[in-house]
Amino acid sequence: MFTMDAKPTSGGSKGKRHATKLVLSAIVLISFGASAIDACIQNPRRSEPCPHQIYRMMKLRDSEPAKITCICLADFDKFLTPAKTDTEKALRKMELKRLAAELQLTEEQVANLAKR
C-alpha cells in the first residue's frame, strides 16, 4: 500500500520529512495526472477543508483497478481506536453505517480507510 502524508508541520527533521512527502506527492500527481485522482473521500457533511489528507494506492471496488485515492484521514481515524463506552460504541456504529451509505462503500471499507 502506498501512503503519503500531506499534513503540514513545523520545525526540525519531522518538518523535513513532511516536506519530502509533499514533494513526492507533487511528483505522483504530475506523473499520474490530476485526473487520475478522484475527489478526496471524506465525510460528506464536512464544511471545512480537510486538515489531514493522505494519498494511497488502493482498490475500492472489485470492478475497478487500484488507483491513487485521496482520503481525509481526519474523518476516519476515530475508527482506529476502540470505543470506551457503550454510548460511544453505538454512536460510532451509527456514524459508520451513515458514512458507508453516503460514500457507497461497505462498513468495513469505511472503517479501514484510516489504516496504514
PDB file of N, CA and C in Angstrom:
ATOM      1  N   MET A   1       0.847  -1.170   0.000  1.00  0.00           N
ATOM      2  CA  MET A   1       0.000   0.000   0.000  1.00  0.00           C
ATOM      3  C   MET A   1       0.895   1.236   0.000  1.00  0.00           C
ATOM      4  N   PHE A   2       0.523   2.277  -0.714  1.00  0.00           N
ATOM      5  CA  PHE A   2       1.311   3.468  -0.932  1.00  0.00           C
ATOM      6  C   PHE A   2       0.686   4.603  -0.151  1.00  0.00           C
ATOM      7  N   THR A   3       1.405   5.204   0.792  1.00  0.00           N
ATOM      8  CA  THR A   3       0.851   6.256   1.633  1.00  0.00           C
ATOM      9  C   THR A   3       1.775   7.453   1.655  1.00  0.00           C
ATOM     10  N   MET A   4       1.195   8.635   1.513  1.00  0.00           N
ATOM     11  CA  MET A   4       1.943   9.873   1.665  1.00  0.00           C
ATOM     12  C   MET A   4       1.139  10.818   2.520  1.00  0.00           C
ATOM     13  N   ASP A   5       1.718  11.310   3.584  1.00  0.00           N
ATOM     14  CA  ASP A   5       1.072  12.287   4.442  1.00  0.00           C
ATOM     15  C   ASP A   5       1.158  13.648   3.790  1.00  0.00           C
ATOM     16  N   ALA A   6       0.085  14.414   3.861  1.00  0.00           N
ATOM     17  CA  ALA A   6       0.097  15.774   3.345  1.00  0.00           C
ATOM     18  C   ALA A   6      -0.172  16.758   4.463  1.00  0.00           C
ATOM     19  N   LYS A   7       0.066  16.353   5.700  1.00  0.00           N
ATOM     20  CA  LYS A   7      -0.210  17.202   6.856  1.00  0.00           C
ATOM     21  C   LYS A   7       0.979  18.131   7.086  1.00  0.00           C
ATOM     22  N   PRO A   8       0.746  19.445   7.010  1.00  0.00           N
ATOM     23  CA  PRO A   8       1.854  20.355   7.221  1.00  0.00           C
ATOM     24  C   PRO A   8       2.254  20.396   8.695  1.00  0.00           C
ATOM     25  N   THR A   9       3.545  20.463   8.949  1.00  0.00           N
ATOM     26  CA  THR A   9       4.041  20.596  10.315  1.00  0.00           C
ATOM     27  C   THR A   9       5.130  21.639  10.310  1.00  0.00           C
ATOM     28  N   SER A  10       5.633  21.973  11.480  1.00  0.00           N
ATOM     29  CA  SER A  10       6.702  22.951  11.532  1.00  0.00           C
ATOM     30  C   SER A  10       7.875  22.417  12.327  1.00  0.00           C
ATOM     31  N   GLY A  11       9.049  22.790  11.908  1.00  0.00           N
ATOM     32  CA  GLY A  11      10.250  22.573  12.680  1.00  0.00           C
ATOM     33  C   GLY A  11      10.890  21.207  12.578  1.00  0.00           C
ATOM     34  N   GLY A  12      12.228  21.224  12.709  1.00  0.00           N
ATOM     35  CA  GLY A  12      13.014  20.018  12.869  1.00  0.00           C
ATOM     36  C   GLY A  12      13.008  19.066  11.701  1.00  0.00           C
ATOM     37  N   SER A  13      13.583  17.881  11.960  1.00  0.00           N
ATOM     38  CA  SER A  13      13.674  16.867  10.913  1.00  0.00           C
ATOM     39  C   SER A  13      12.294  16.334  10.539  1.00  0.00           C
ATOM     40  N   LYS A  14      11.352  16.402  11.482  1.00  0.00           N
ATOM     41  CA  LYS A  14       9.989  15.965  11.176  1.00  0.00           C
ATOM     42  C   LYS A  14       9.401  16.850  10.071  1.00  0.00           C
ATOM     43  N   GLY A  15       9.686  18.147  10.147  1.00  0.00           N
ATOM     44  CA  GLY A  15       9.226  19.067   9.114  1.00  0.00           C
ATOM     45  C   GLY A  15       9.861  18.759   7.765  1.00  0.00           C
ATOM     46  N   LYS A  16      11.147  18.349   7.791  1.00  0.00           N
ATOM     47  CA  LYS A  16      11.846  18.000   6.551  1.00  0.00           C
ATOM     48  C   LYS A  16      11.234  16.741   5.932  1.00  0.00           C
ATOM     49  N   ARG A  17      10.867  15.766   6.800  1.00  0.00           N
ATOM     50  CA  ARG A  17      10.240  14.541   6.287  1.00  0.00           C
ATOM     51  C   ARG A  17       8.912  14.869   5.620  1.00  0.00           C
ATOM     52  N   HIS A  18       8.121  15.742   6.247  1.00  0.00           N
ATOM     53  CA  HIS A  18       6.841  16.108   5.658  1.00  0.00           C
ATOM     54  C   HIS A  18       7.033  16.893   4.368  1.00  0.00           C
ATOM     55  N   ALA A  19       8.054  17.728   4.326  1.00  0.00           N
ATOM     56  CA  ALA A  19       8.346  18.465   3.090  1.00  0.00           C
ATOM     57  C   ALA A  19       8.711  17.485   1.980  1.00  0.00           C
ATOM     58  N   THR A  20       9.493  16.467   2.326  1.00  0.00           N
ATOM     59  CA  THR A  20       9.863  15.448   1.343  1.00  0.00           C
ATOM     60  C   THR A  20       8.624  14.715   0.851  1.00  0.00           C
ATOM     61  N   LYS A  21       7.725  14.387   1.773  1.00  0.00           N
ATOM     62  CA  LYS A  21       6.499  13.688   1.390  1.00  0.00           C
ATOM     63  C   LYS A  21       5.627  14.568   0.497  1.00  0.00           C
ATOM     64  N   LEU A  22       5.606  15.868   0.778  1.00  0.00           N
ATOM     65  CA  LEU A  22       4.825  16.771  -0.067  1.00  0.00           C
ATOM     66  C   LEU A  22       5.415  16.848  -1.470  1.00  0.00           C
ATOM     67  N   VAL A  23       6.734  16.861  -1.568  1.00  0.00           N
ATOM     68  CA  VAL A  23       7.386  16.867  -2.879  1.00  0.00           C
ATOM     69  C   VAL A  23       7.062  15.574  -3.620  1.00  0.00           C
ATOM     70  N   LEU A  24       7.149  14.445  -2.908  1.00  0.00           N
ATOM     71  CA  LEU A  24       6.799  13.165  -3.540  1.00  0.00           C
ATOM     72  C   LEU A  24       5.343  13.160  -3.980  1.00  0.00           C
ATOM     73  N   SER A  25       4.488  13.740  -3.170  1.00  0.00           N
ATOM     74  CA  SER A  25       3.070  13.821  -3.524  1.00  0.00           C
ATOM     75  C   SER A  25       2.883  14.610  -4.819  1.00  0.00           C
ATOM     76  N   ALA A  26       3.602  15.722  -4.921  1.00  0.00           N
ATOM     77  CA  ALA A  26       3.519  16.537  -6.142  1.00  0.00           C
ATOM     78  C   ALA A  26       4.020  15.754  -7.347  1.00  0.00           C
ATOM     79  N   ILE A  27       5.097  15.005  -7.176  1.00  0.00           N
ATOM     80  CA  ILE A  27       5.631  14.198  -8.279  1.00  0.00           C
ATOM     81  C   ILE A  27       4.616  13.151  -8.712  1.00  0.00           C
ATOM     82  N   VAL A  28       3.982  12.503  -7.747  1.00  0.00           N
ATOM     83  CA  VAL A  28       2.970  11.492  -8.064  1.00  0.00           C
ATOM     84  C   VAL A  28       1.806  12.135  -8.811  1.00  0.00           C
ATOM     85  N   LEU A  29       1.360  13.296  -8.351  1.00  0.00           N
ATOM     86  CA  LEU A  29       0.258  13.983  -9.027  1.00  0.00           C
ATOM     87  C   LEU A  29       0.621  14.324 -10.465  1.00  0.00           C
ATOM     88  N   ILE A  30       1.851  14.776 -10.672  1.00  0.00           N
ATOM     89  CA  ILE A  30       2.292  15.121 -12.020  1.00  0.00           C
ATOM     90  C   ILE A  30       2.410  13.859 -12.872  1.00  0.00           C
ATOM     91  N   SER A  31       2.958  12.802 -12.283  1.00  0.00           N
ATOM     92  CA  SER A  31       3.157  11.557 -13.022  1.00  0.00           C
ATOM     93  C   SER A  31       1.850  10.921 -13.461  1.00  0.00           C
ATOM     94  N   PHE A  32       0.909  10.869 -12.556  1.00  0.00           N
ATOM     95  CA  PHE A  32      -0.357  10.210 -12.853  1.00  0.00           C
ATOM     96  C   PHE A  32      -1.387  11.158 -13.438  1.00  0.00           C
ATOM     97  N   GLY A  33      -1.155  12.440 -13.315  1.00  0.00           N
ATOM     98  CA  GLY A  33      -2.109  13.423 -13.798  1.00  0.00           C
ATOM     99  C   GLY A  33      -3.198  13.633 -12.763  1.00  0.00           C
ATOM    100  N   ALA A  34      -3.624  14.852 -12.609  1.00  0.00           N
ATOM    101  CA  ALA A  34      -4.642  15.178 -11.611  1.00  0.00           C
ATOM    102  C   ALA A  34      -5.948  14.439 -11.864  1.00  0.00           C
ATOM    103  N   SER A  35      -6.231  14.121 -13.115  1.00  0.00           N
ATOM    104  CA  SER A  35      -7.488  13.429 -13.419  1.00  0.00           C
ATOM    105  C   SER A  35      -7.480  11.986 -12.945  1.00  0.00           C
ATOM    106  N   ALA A  36      -6.285  11.452 -12.637  1.00  0.00           N
ATOM    107  CA  ALA A  36      -6.194  10.069 -12.164  1.00  0.00           C
ATOM    108  C   ALA A  36      -6.647   9.937 -10.718  1.00  0.00           C
ATOM    109  N   ILE A  37      -6.759  11.058 -10.006  1.00  0.00           N
ATOM    110  CA  ILE A  37      -7.163  11.034  -8.608  1.00  0.00           C
ATOM    111  C   ILE A  37      -8.533  11.705  -8.491  1.00  0.00           C
ATOM    112  N   ASP A  38      -9.489  10.943  -7.975  1.00  0.00           N
ATOM    113  CA  ASP A  38     -10.819  11.500  -7.762  1.00  0.00           C
ATOM    114  C   ASP A  38     -10.791  12.456  -6.579  1.00  0.00           C
ATOM    115  N   ALA A  39     -11.914  13.103  -6.330  1.00  0.00           N
ATOM    116  CA  ALA A  39     -12.042  13.957  -5.159  1.00  0.00           C
ATOM    117  C   ALA A  39     -11.769  13.128  -3.908  1.00  0.00           C
ATOM    118  N   CYS A  40     -11.325  13.793  -2.858  1.00  0.00           N
ATOM    119  CA  CYS A  40     -10.994  13.090  -1.620  1.00  0.00           C
ATOM    120  C   CYS A  40     -12.211  12.391  -1.024  1.00  0.00           C
ATOM    121  N   ILE A  41     -11.972  11.197  -0.497  1.00  0.00           N
ATOM    122  CA  ILE A  41     -13.005  10.506   0.255  1.00  0.00           C
ATOM    123  C   ILE A  41     -13.031  11.162   1.626  1.00  0.00           C
ATOM    124  N   GLN A  42     -14.142  11.755   1.963  1.00  0.00           N
ATOM    125  CA  GLN A  42     -14.283  12.441   3.236  1.00  0.00           C
ATOM    126  C   GLN A  42     -15.734  12.402   3.683  1.00  0.00           C
ATOM    127  N   ASN A  43     -15.950  12.823   4.917  1.00  0.00           N
ATOM    128  CA  ASN A  43     -17.309  12.898   5.424  1.00  0.00           C
ATOM    129  C   ASN A  43     -18.081  13.885   4.546  1.00  0.00           C
ATOM    130  N   PRO A  44     -19.166  13.439   3.907  1.00  0.00           N
ATOM    131  CA  PRO A  44     -19.929  14.341   3.038  1.00  0.00           C
ATOM    132  C   PRO A  44     -20.473  15.575   3.765  1.00  0.00           C
ATOM    133  N   ARG A  45     -20.543  15.517   5.069  1.00  0.00           N
ATOM    134  CA  ARG A  45     -21.043  16.651   5.848  1.00  0.00           C
ATOM    135  C   ARG A  45     -19.941  17.620   6.257  1.00  0.00           C
ATOM    136  N   ARG A  46     -18.731  17.372   5.825  1.00  0.00           N
ATOM    137  CA  ARG A  46     -17.615  18.259   6.167  1.00  0.00           C
ATOM    138  C   ARG A  46     -17.830  19.614   5.510  1.00  0.00           C
ATOM    139  N   SER A  47     -17.705  20.694   6.306  1.00  0.00           N
ATOM    140  CA  SER A  47     -17.878  22.041   5.766  1.00  0.00           C
ATOM    141  C   SER A  47     -16.563  22.811   5.695  1.00  0.00           C
ATOM    142  N   GLU A  48     -15.543  22.339   6.396  1.00  0.00           N
ATOM    143  CA  GLU A  48     -14.222  22.969   6.394  1.00  0.00           C
ATOM    144  C   GLU A  48     -13.266  22.130   5.539  1.00  0.00           C
ATOM    145  N   PRO A  49     -12.185  22.738   5.058  1.00  0.00           N
ATOM    146  CA  PRO A  49     -11.187  21.937   4.331  1.00  0.00           C
ATOM    147  C   PRO A  49     -10.615  20.853   5.242  1.00  0.00           C
ATOM    148  N   CYS A  50     -10.260  19.743   4.672  1.00  0.00           N
ATOM    149  CA  CYS A  50      -9.702  18.629   5.441  1.00  0.00           C
ATOM    150  C   CYS A  50      -8.315  19.007   5.968  1.00  0.00           C
ATOM    151  N   PRO A  51      -8.086  18.849   7.276  1.00  0.00           N
ATOM    152  CA  PRO A  51      -6.793  19.219   7.843  1.00  0.00           C
ATOM    153  C   PRO A  51      -5.698  18.164   7.656  1.00  0.00           C
ATOM    154  N   HIS A  52      -6.079  16.946   7.245  1.00  0.00           N
ATOM    155  CA  HIS A  52      -5.075  15.883   7.130  1.00  0.00           C
ATOM    156  C   HIS A  52      -5.486  14.902   6.037  1.00  0.00           C
ATOM    157  N   GLN A  53      -4.902  15.092   4.864  1.00  0.00           N
ATOM    158  CA  GLN A  53      -5.182  14.208   3.732  1.00  0.00           C
ATOM    159  C   GLN A  53      -4.016  13.272   3.507  1.00  0.00           C
ATOM    160  N   ILE A  54      -4.320  12.075   3.068  1.00  0.00           N
ATOM    161  CA  ILE A  54      -3.282  11.141   2.650  1.00  0.00           C
ATOM    162  C   ILE A  54      -3.662  10.625   1.264  1.00  0.00           C
ATOM    163  N   TYR A  55      -2.655  10.185   0.535  1.00  0.00           N
ATOM    164  CA  TYR A  55      -2.867   9.608  -0.785  1.00  0.00           C
ATOM    165  C   TYR A  55      -2.385   8.177  -0.729  1.00  0.00           C
ATOM    166  N   ARG A  56      -3.229   7.270  -1.150  1.00  0.00           N
ATOM    167  CA  ARG A  56      -2.929   5.851  -1.012  1.00  0.00           C
ATOM    168  C   ARG A  56      -3.347   5.118  -2.278  1.00  0.00           C
ATOM    169  N   MET A  57      -2.509   4.178  -2.701  1.00  0.00           N
ATOM    170  CA  MET A  57      -2.871   3.316  -3.824  1.00  0.00           C
ATOM    171  C   MET A  57      -3.790   2.248  -3.265  1.00  0.00           C
ATOM    172  N   MET A  58      -5.028   2.209  -3.749  1.00  0.00           N
ATOM    173  CA  MET A  58      -5.979   1.236  -3.224  1.00  0.00           C
ATOM    174  C   MET A  58      -7.069   0.911  -4.228  1.00  0.00           C
ATOM    175  N   LYS A  59      -7.736  -0.178  -3.969  1.00  0.00           N
ATOM    176  CA  LYS A  59      -8.839  -0.641  -4.803  1.00  0.00           C
ATOM    177  C   LYS A  59     -10.096  -0.606  -3.939  1.00  0.00           C
ATOM    178  N   LEU A  60     -11.051   0.257  -4.295  1.00  0.00           N
ATOM    179  CA  LEU A  60     -12.272   0.384  -3.509  1.00  0.00           C
ATOM    180  C   LEU A  60     -13.356  -0.602  -3.933  1.00  0.00           C
ATOM    181  N   ARG A  61     -13.411  -0.877  -5.218  1.00  0.00           N
ATOM    182  CA  ARG A  61     -14.446  -1.781  -5.734  1.00  0.00           C
ATOM    183  C   ARG A  61     -13.786  -2.870  -6.578  1.00  0.00           C
ATOM    184  N   ASP A  62     -14.336  -4.072  -6.502  1.00  0.00           N
ATOM    185  CA  ASP A  62     -13.757  -5.198  -7.243  1.00  0.00           C
ATOM    186  C   ASP A  62     -13.752  -4.963  -8.742  1.00  0.00           C
ATOM    187  N   SER A  63     -14.730  -4.209  -9.234  1.00  0.00           N
ATOM    188  CA  SER A  63     -14.852  -3.995 -10.675  1.00  0.00           C
ATOM    189  C   SER A  63     -13.906  -2.916 -11.201  1.00  0.00           C
ATOM    190  N   GLU A  64     -13.183  -2.235 -10.295  1.00  0.00           N
ATOM    191  CA  GLU A  64     -12.289  -1.159 -10.704  1.00  0.00           C
ATOM    192  C   GLU A  64     -10.836  -1.536 -10.403  1.00  0.00           C
ATOM    193  N   PRO A  65      -9.908  -1.016 -11.196  1.00  0.00           N
ATOM    194  CA  PRO A  65      -8.492  -1.267 -10.889  1.00  0.00           C
ATOM    195  C   PRO A  65      -8.055  -0.417  -9.687  1.00  0.00           C
ATOM    196  N   ALA A  66      -6.952  -0.804  -9.062  1.00  0.00           N
ATOM    197  CA  ALA A  66      -6.393   0.002  -7.970  1.00  0.00           C
ATOM    198  C   ALA A  66      -5.961   1.350  -8.536  1.00  0.00           C
ATOM    199  N   LYS A  67      -6.125   2.401  -7.739  1.00  0.00           N
ATOM    200  CA  LYS A  67      -5.724   3.731  -8.179  1.00  0.00           C
ATOM    201  C   LYS A  67      -5.345   4.560  -6.963  1.00  0.00           C
ATOM    202  N   ILE A  68      -4.690   5.665  -7.203  1.00  0.00           N
ATOM    203  CA  ILE A  68      -4.329   6.567  -6.127  1.00  0.00           C
ATOM    204  C   ILE A  68      -5.613   7.220  -5.634  1.00  0.00           C
ATOM    205  N   THR A  69      -5.816   7.147  -4.328  1.00  0.00           N
ATOM    206  CA  THR A  69      -7.042   7.662  -3.722  1.00  0.00           C
ATOM    207  C   THR A  69      -6.676   8.654  -2.627  1.00  0.00           C
ATOM    208  N   CYS A  70      -7.315   9.794  -2.641  1.00  0.00           N
ATOM    209  CA  CYS A  70      -7.140  10.800  -1.605  1.00  0.00           C
ATOM    210  C   CYS A  70      -8.137  10.490  -0.490  1.00  0.00           C
ATOM    211  N   ILE A  71      -7.667  10.502   0.754  1.00  0.00           N
ATOM    212  CA  ILE A  71      -8.529  10.217   1.907  1.00  0.00           C
ATOM    213  C   ILE A  71      -8.335  11.322   2.933  1.00  0.00           C
ATOM    214  N   CYS A  72      -9.425  11.846   3.441  1.00  0.00           N
ATOM    215  CA  CYS A  72      -9.366  12.805   4.541  1.00  0.00           C
ATOM    216  C   CYS A  72      -9.234  11.989   5.826  1.00  0.00           C
ATOM    217  N   LEU A  73      -8.013  11.796   6.263  1.00  0.00           N
ATOM    218  CA  LEU A  73      -7.744  10.941   7.416  1.00  0.00           C
ATOM    219  C   LEU A  73      -8.464  11.435   8.667  1.00  0.00           C
ATOM    220  N   ALA A  74      -8.618  12.739   8.805  1.00  0.00           N
ATOM    221  CA  ALA A  74      -9.267  13.305   9.992  1.00  0.00           C
ATOM    222  C   ALA A  74     -10.699  12.798  10.165  1.00  0.00           C
ATOM    223  N   ASP A  75     -11.353  12.398   9.088  1.00  0.00           N
ATOM    224  CA  ASP A  75     -12.734  11.923   9.178  1.00  0.00           C
ATOM    225  C   ASP A  75     -12.847  10.448   9.535  1.00  0.00           C
ATOM    226  N   PHE A  76     -11.758   9.699   9.438  1.00  0.00           N
ATOM    227  CA  PHE A  76     -11.849   8.249   9.626  1.00  0.00           C
ATOM    228  C   PHE A  76     -10.923   7.696  10.707  1.00  0.00           C
ATOM    229  N   ASP A  77     -10.016   8.518  11.237  1.00  0.00           N
ATOM    230  CA  ASP A  77      -9.065   7.992  12.221  1.00  0.00           C
ATOM    231  C   ASP A  77      -9.724   7.583  13.536  1.00  0.00           C
ATOM    232  N   LYS A  78     -10.914   8.082  13.815  1.00  0.00           N
ATOM    233  CA  LYS A  78     -11.620   7.698  15.047  1.00  0.00           C
ATOM    234  C   LYS A  78     -11.985   6.210  15.057  1.00  0.00           C
ATOM    235  N   PHE A  79     -12.042   5.597  13.873  1.00  0.00           N
ATOM    236  CA  PHE A  79     -12.397   4.179  13.796  1.00  0.00           C
ATOM    237  C   PHE A  79     -11.206   3.264  14.113  1.00  0.00           C
ATOM    238  N   LEU A  80     -10.034   3.858  14.320  1.00  0.00           N
ATOM    239  CA  LEU A  80      -8.848   3.071  14.636  1.00  0.00           C
ATOM    240  C   LEU A  80      -8.772   2.668  16.104  1.00  0.00           C
ATOM    241  N   THR A  81      -9.382   3.464  16.968  1.00  0.00           N
ATOM    242  CA  THR A  81      -9.330   3.175  18.405  1.00  0.00           C
ATOM    243  C   THR A  81     -10.668   2.626  18.876  1.00  0.00           C
ATOM    244  N   PRO A  82     -10.638   1.691  19.811  1.00  0.00           N
ATOM    245  CA  PRO A  82     -11.892   1.125  20.307  1.00  0.00           C
ATOM    246  C   PRO A  82     -12.684   2.153  21.121  1.00  0.00           C
ATOM    247  N   ALA A  83     -13.991   2.063  21.027  1.00  0.00           N
ATOM    248  CA  ALA A  83     -14.868   2.940  21.812  1.00  0.00           C
ATOM    249  C   ALA A  83     -14.727   2.601  23.293  1.00  0.00           C
ATOM    250  N   LYS A  84     -14.787   3.622  24.143  1.00  0.00           N
ATOM    251  CA  LYS A  84     -14.591   3.417  25.578  1.00  0.00           C
ATOM    252  C   LYS A  84     -15.887   3.111  26.318  1.00  0.00           C
ATOM    253  N   THR A  85     -16.993   3.608  25.806  1.00  0.00           N
ATOM    254  CA  THR A  85     -18.280   3.385  26.479  1.00  0.00           C
ATOM    255  C   THR A  85     -19.267   2.765  25.502  1.00  0.00           C
ATOM    256  N   ASP A  86     -20.344   2.224  26.037  1.00  0.00           N
ATOM    257  CA  ASP A  86     -21.383   1.652  25.181  1.00  0.00           C
ATOM    258  C   ASP A  86     -22.035   2.732  24.321  1.00  0.00           C
ATOM    259  N   THR A  87     -22.200   3.914  24.893  1.00  0.00           N
ATOM    260  CA  THR A  87     -22.795   5.024  24.138  1.00  0.00           C
ATOM    261  C   THR A  87     -21.894   5.407  22.972  1.00  0.00           C
ATOM    262  N   GLU A  88     -20.599   5.536  23.245  1.00  0.00           N
ATOM    263  CA  GLU A  88     -19.645   5.876  22.185  1.00  0.00           C
ATOM    264  C   GLU A  88     -19.620   4.787  21.113  1.00  0.00           C
ATOM    265  N   LYS A  89     -19.705   3.545  21.537  1.00  0.00           N
ATOM    266  CA  LYS A  89     -19.721   2.422  20.598  1.00  0.00           C
ATOM    267  C   LYS A  89     -20.946   2.488  19.685  1.00  0.00           C
ATOM    268  N   ALA A  90     -22.106   2.773  20.267  1.00  0.00           N
ATOM    269  CA  ALA A  90     -23.347   2.872  19.488  1.00  0.00           C
ATOM    270  C   ALA A  90     -23.300   4.051  18.522  1.00  0.00           C
ATOM    271  N   LEU A  91     -22.809   5.201  18.994  1.00  0.00           N
ATOM    272  CA  LEU A  91     -22.714   6.382  18.133  1.00  0.00           C
ATOM    273  C   LEU A  91     -21.744   6.151  16.980  1.00  0.00           C
ATOM    274  N   ARG A  92     -20.637   5.501  17.272  1.00  0.00           N
ATOM    275  CA  ARG A  92     -19.648   5.204  16.244  1.00  0.00           C
ATOM    276  C   ARG A  92     -20.219   4.248  15.197  1.00  0.00           C
ATOM    277  N   LYS A  93     -20.964   3.252  15.645  1.00  0.00           N
ATOM    278  CA  LYS A  93     -21.583   2.282  14.725  1.00  0.00           C
ATOM    279  C   LYS A  93     -22.584   2.993  13.812  1.00  0.00           C
ATOM    280  N   MET A  94     -23.380   3.915  14.385  1.00  0.00           N
ATOM    281  CA  MET A  94     -24.352   4.669  13.577  1.00  0.00           C
ATOM    282  C   MET A  94     -23.630   5.548  12.549  1.00  0.00           C
ATOM    283  N   GLU A  95     -22.531   6.184  12.968  1.00  0.00           N
ATOM    284  CA  GLU A  95     -21.784   7.026  12.034  1.00  0.00           C
ATOM    285  C   GLU A  95     -21.148   6.186  10.933  1.00  0.00           C
ATOM    286  N   LEU A  96     -20.645   5.021  11.303  1.00  0.00           N
ATOM    287  CA  LEU A  96     -20.061   4.118  10.324  1.00  0.00           C
ATOM    288  C   LEU A  96     -21.090   3.700   9.279  1.00  0.00           C
ATOM    289  N   LYS A  97     -22.301   3.355   9.716  1.00  0.00           N
ATOM    290  CA  LYS A  97     -23.377   2.973   8.786  1.00  0.00           C
ATOM    291  C   LYS A  97     -23.749   4.141   7.877  1.00  0.00           C
ATOM    292  N   ARG A  98     -23.846   5.349   8.450  1.00  0.00           N
ATOM    293  CA  ARG A  98     -24.215   6.535   7.664  1.00  0.00           C
ATOM    294  C   ARG A  98     -23.148   6.833   6.619  1.00  0.00           C
ATOM    295  N   LEU A  99     -21.887   6.835   7.035  1.00  0.00           N
ATOM    296  CA  LEU A  99     -20.798   7.115   6.093  1.00  0.00           C
ATOM    297  C   LEU A  99     -20.745   6.073   4.981  1.00  0.00           C
ATOM    298  N   ALA A 100     -20.925   4.808   5.341  1.00  0.00           N
ATOM    299  CA  ALA A 100     -20.905   3.743   4.333  1.00  0.00           C
ATOM    300  C   ALA A 100     -22.003   3.970   3.300  1.00  0.00           C
ATOM    301  N   ALA A 101     -23.192   4.303   3.760  1.00  0.00           N
ATOM    302  CA  ALA A 101     -24.308   4.538   2.843  1.00  0.00           C
ATOM    303  C   ALA A 101     -24.044   5.760   1.954  1.00  0.00           C
ATOM    304  N   GLU A 102     -23.585   6.849   2.554  1.00  0.00           N
ATOM    305  CA  GLU A 102     -23.363   8.078   1.798  1.00  0.00           C
ATOM    306  C   GLU A 102     -22.191   7.969   0.822  1.00  0.00           C
ATOM    307  N   LEU A 103     -21.173   7.213   1.184  1.00  0.00           N
ATOM    308  CA  LEU A 103     -19.999   7.064   0.321  1.00  0.00           C
ATOM    309  C   LEU A 103     -20.100   5.867  -0.622  1.00  0.00           C
ATOM    310  N   GLN A 104     -21.162   5.096  -0.473  1.00  0.00           N
ATOM    311  CA  GLN A 104     -21.403   3.887  -1.270  1.00  0.00           C
ATOM    312  C   GLN A 104     -20.247   2.898  -1.141  1.00  0.00           C
ATOM    313  N   LEU A 105     -19.830   2.688   0.113  1.00  0.00           N
ATOM    314  CA  LEU A 105     -18.803   1.724   0.458  1.00  0.00           C
ATOM    315  C   LEU A 105     -19.362   0.792   1.519  1.00  0.00           C
ATOM    316  N   THR A 106     -18.664  -0.294   1.792  1.00  0.00           N
ATOM    317  CA  THR A 106     -19.094  -1.160   2.885  1.00  0.00           C
ATOM    318  C   THR A 106     -18.612  -0.552   4.201  1.00  0.00           C
ATOM    319  N   GLU A 107     -19.215  -0.980   5.303  1.00  0.00           N
ATOM    320  CA  GLU A 107     -18.783  -0.508   6.614  1.00  0.00           C
ATOM    321  C   GLU A 107     -17.333  -0.873   6.867  1.00  0.00           C
ATOM    322  N   GLU A 108     -16.936  -2.054   6.437  1.00  0.00           N
ATOM    323  CA  GLU A 108     -15.554  -2.490   6.617  1.00  0.00           C
ATOM    324  C   GLU A 108     -14.598  -1.579   5.846  1.00  0.00           C
ATOM    325  N   GLN A 109     -14.955  -1.203   4.621  1.00  0.00           N
ATOM    326  CA  GLN A 109     -14.103  -0.313   3.830  1.00  0.00           C
ATOM    327  C   GLN A 109     -13.962   1.039   4.515  1.00  0.00           C
ATOM    328  N   VAL A 110     -15.067   1.578   5.016  1.00  0.00           N
ATOM    329  CA  VAL A 110     -15.016   2.872   5.694  1.00  0.00           C
ATOM    330  C   VAL A 110     -14.127   2.788   6.942  1.00  0.00           C
ATOM    331  N   ALA A 111     -14.327   1.738   7.731  1.00  0.00           N
ATOM    332  CA  ALA A 111     -13.530   1.575   8.951  1.00  0.00           C
ATOM    333  C   ALA A 111     -12.049   1.403   8.651  1.00  0.00           C
ATOM    334  N   ASN A 112     -11.727   0.847   7.488  1.00  0.00           N
ATOM    335  CA  ASN A 112     -10.331   0.574   7.131  1.00  0.00           C
ATOM    336  C   ASN A 112      -9.650   1.724   6.386  1.00  0.00           C
ATOM    337  N   LEU A 113     -10.371   2.788   6.060  1.00  0.00           N
ATOM    338  CA  LEU A 113      -9.770   3.884   5.295  1.00  0.00           C
ATOM    339  C   LEU A 113      -8.577   4.500   6.011  1.00  0.00           C
ATOM    340  N   ALA A 114      -8.605   4.544   7.328  1.00  0.00           N
ATOM    341  CA  ALA A 114      -7.524   5.183   8.084  1.00  0.00           C
ATOM    342  C   ALA A 114      -6.376   4.236   8.378  1.00  0.00           C
ATOM    343  N   LYS A 115      -6.534   2.945   8.155  1.00  0.00           N
ATOM    344  CA  LYS A 115      -5.452   2.008   8.456  1.00  0.00           C
ATOM    345  C   LYS A 115      -4.317   2.164   7.471  1.00  0.00           C
ATOM    346  N   ARG A 116      -3.117   1.989   7.956  1.00  0.00           N
ATOM    347  CA  ARG A 116      -1.924   2.123   7.101  1.00  0.00           C
ATOM    348  C   ARG A 116      -1.402   0.787   6.705  1.00  0.00           C
TER     349      ARG A 116
END
